[in-house]
Protein backbone atom coordinates (compact mmCIF):
# COMPACT_ATOMS: atom_id res chain seq x y z
CA MET A 1 85.72 112.92 107.75
CA ASP A 2 87.56 109.92 106.36
CA ILE A 3 91.36 109.21 107.19
CA PHE A 4 92.39 109.75 103.41
CA LYS A 5 90.92 113.18 103.59
CA LYS A 6 92.22 113.83 106.73
CA ALA A 7 95.87 112.85 105.76
CA TYR A 8 95.47 115.17 102.62
CA GLU A 9 94.25 118.17 104.77
CA TRP A 10 96.65 117.73 107.44
CA ALA A 11 99.71 117.53 105.16
CA LEU A 12 98.44 120.79 103.22
CA THR A 13 99.34 122.76 106.37
CA TYR A 14 101.86 120.84 108.29
CA ASP A 15 105.46 122.21 108.56
CA PHE A 16 107.57 119.20 107.25
CA THR A 17 111.33 119.32 107.34
CA PRO A 18 113.31 118.76 104.29
CA LEU A 19 114.22 115.39 105.50
CA GLU A 20 110.53 114.50 106.06
CA ILE A 21 109.67 115.62 102.48
CA GLU A 22 112.65 113.53 101.09
CA TYR A 23 111.47 110.58 102.94
CA ALA A 24 107.62 111.38 101.68
CA SER A 25 109.27 111.06 97.92
CA LYS A 26 111.10 108.06 98.73
CA LEU A 27 108.01 106.07 100.44
CA ALA A 28 106.13 107.31 97.09
CA LEU A 29 108.61 105.95 94.93
CA LYS A 30 108.51 102.59 96.94
CA MET A 31 104.79 102.44 96.87
CA LEU A 32 104.80 102.94 93.27
CA ASP A 33 107.15 100.02 92.58
CA ASP A 34 105.20 97.91 94.65
CA SER A 35 108.10 97.21 97.21
CA CYS A 36 106.43 98.59 100.08
CA LYS A 37 105.18 96.12 102.67
CA MET A 38 102.19 98.47 103.68
CA ASP A 39 98.91 97.28 102.82
CA SER A 40 96.64 99.08 100.42
CA HIS A 41 94.82 101.11 103.00
CA ASP A 42 98.16 102.54 104.61
CA ARG A 43 99.63 103.16 101.05
CA ARG A 44 96.56 105.22 100.18
CA VAL A 45 96.99 107.24 103.46
CA PHE A 46 100.61 107.96 102.60
CA PHE A 47 99.99 108.75 99.13
CA ASN A 48 97.14 111.41 100.25
CA VAL A 49 100.04 112.90 102.34
CA TYR A 50 102.33 112.89 99.42
CA ASP A 51 99.60 114.35 97.08
CA ALA A 52 99.22 117.10 99.37
CA ILE A 53 102.58 117.84 99.52
CA CYS A 54 102.94 118.09 95.84
CA ASP A 55 99.83 120.09 95.61
CA ARG A 56 101.58 122.84 97.95
CA SER A 57 103.21 125.82 96.41
CA ASP A 58 105.37 126.35 99.24
CA ILE A 59 107.38 123.07 98.86
CA ASN A 60 109.32 122.70 95.82
CA LEU A 61 109.35 118.91 94.45
CA ASN A 62 111.15 119.78 90.85
CA ASP A 63 113.82 117.05 91.46
CA ASP A 64 114.23 114.34 88.87
CA VAL A 65 112.66 111.56 91.05
CA ASN A 66 109.53 113.76 92.07
CA LYS A 67 109.09 114.78 88.35
CA MET A 68 109.39 110.80 87.43
CA ILE A 69 106.84 109.95 90.08
CA LEU A 70 104.25 112.51 89.08
CA LEU A 71 104.70 111.52 85.36
CA ALA A 72 104.24 107.58 86.21
CA ARG A 73 101.68 107.75 88.88
CA ASN A 74 98.13 107.15 88.19
CA ARG A 75 96.68 109.78 90.72
CA GLU A 76 93.63 107.64 90.80
CA SER A 77 95.34 104.88 92.51
CA ILE A 78 98.42 103.89 94.50
CA TYR A 79 100.14 102.27 91.47
CA SER A 80 102.13 103.50 88.55
CA LYS A 81 101.04 103.51 84.90
CA LYS A 82 102.28 100.09 83.50
CA GLU A 83 104.28 101.91 80.83
CA TYR A 84 106.50 103.60 83.35
CA ALA A 85 106.77 100.38 85.66
CA HIS A 86 110.38 99.70 84.51
CA ILE A 87 111.53 103.15 85.14
CA VAL A 88 109.97 103.49 88.63
CA HIS A 89 111.76 100.29 89.55
CA ALA A 90 115.31 101.18 87.98
CA CYS A 91 114.91 104.63 90.04
CA ARG A 92 113.76 102.97 93.31
CA LEU A 93 117.00 100.63 92.78
CA GLU A 94 118.99 103.78 92.35
CA ILE A 95 117.55 105.32 95.53
CA ILE A 96 117.56 102.47 97.99
CA PRO A 97 121.28 102.58 98.80
CA SER A 98 120.74 106.24 100.11
CA MET A 99 117.71 105.37 102.38
CA LEU A 100 118.27 104.97 105.94
CA LYS A 101 115.55 102.67 107.72
CA VAL A 102 115.65 105.02 110.75
CA HIS A 103 114.56 108.01 108.79
CA MET A 104 111.89 106.20 106.92
CA LYS A 105 110.43 104.63 110.17
CA ALA A 106 110.63 108.10 111.74
CA TYR A 107 108.61 109.61 108.77
CA LYS A 108 106.11 106.94 108.84
CA ALA A 109 105.80 107.24 112.69
CA MET A 110 105.56 110.89 112.67
CA VAL A 111 102.39 110.86 110.10
CA ARG A 112 100.71 108.12 111.74
CA LYS A 113 100.93 110.13 115.01
CA ASN A 114 99.64 113.29 113.51
CA LEU A 115 96.78 111.38 112.05
CA GLY A 116 96.14 109.41 115.34
CA ILE A 117 96.63 106.27 113.53
CA ASN A 118 98.54 103.19 114.52
């Protein structure tokens, strides 16, 4: 099984905490804005996790940020649709002050540990 499919399938059943869900969304926003320092492989892994979270009926992502991500995202890629790039960027700038590196690092480490990747 490839790592992208593994990431998606794992996230369909993992018991995420509310904080992990929040940071999955914040990371998706950073990746959409292309302000994330991860390489494209890791971005695809984390977007597969985010996509699975979005596809779950037991997780509510009905807030403005996630609605905007779903609208702006070209799900066939890891980037936003060009016509939404300025909205994604403005949203990310608004969200950045509430992001704590310790939580973002913990979320990324948790995903990598559960997927067996470094």
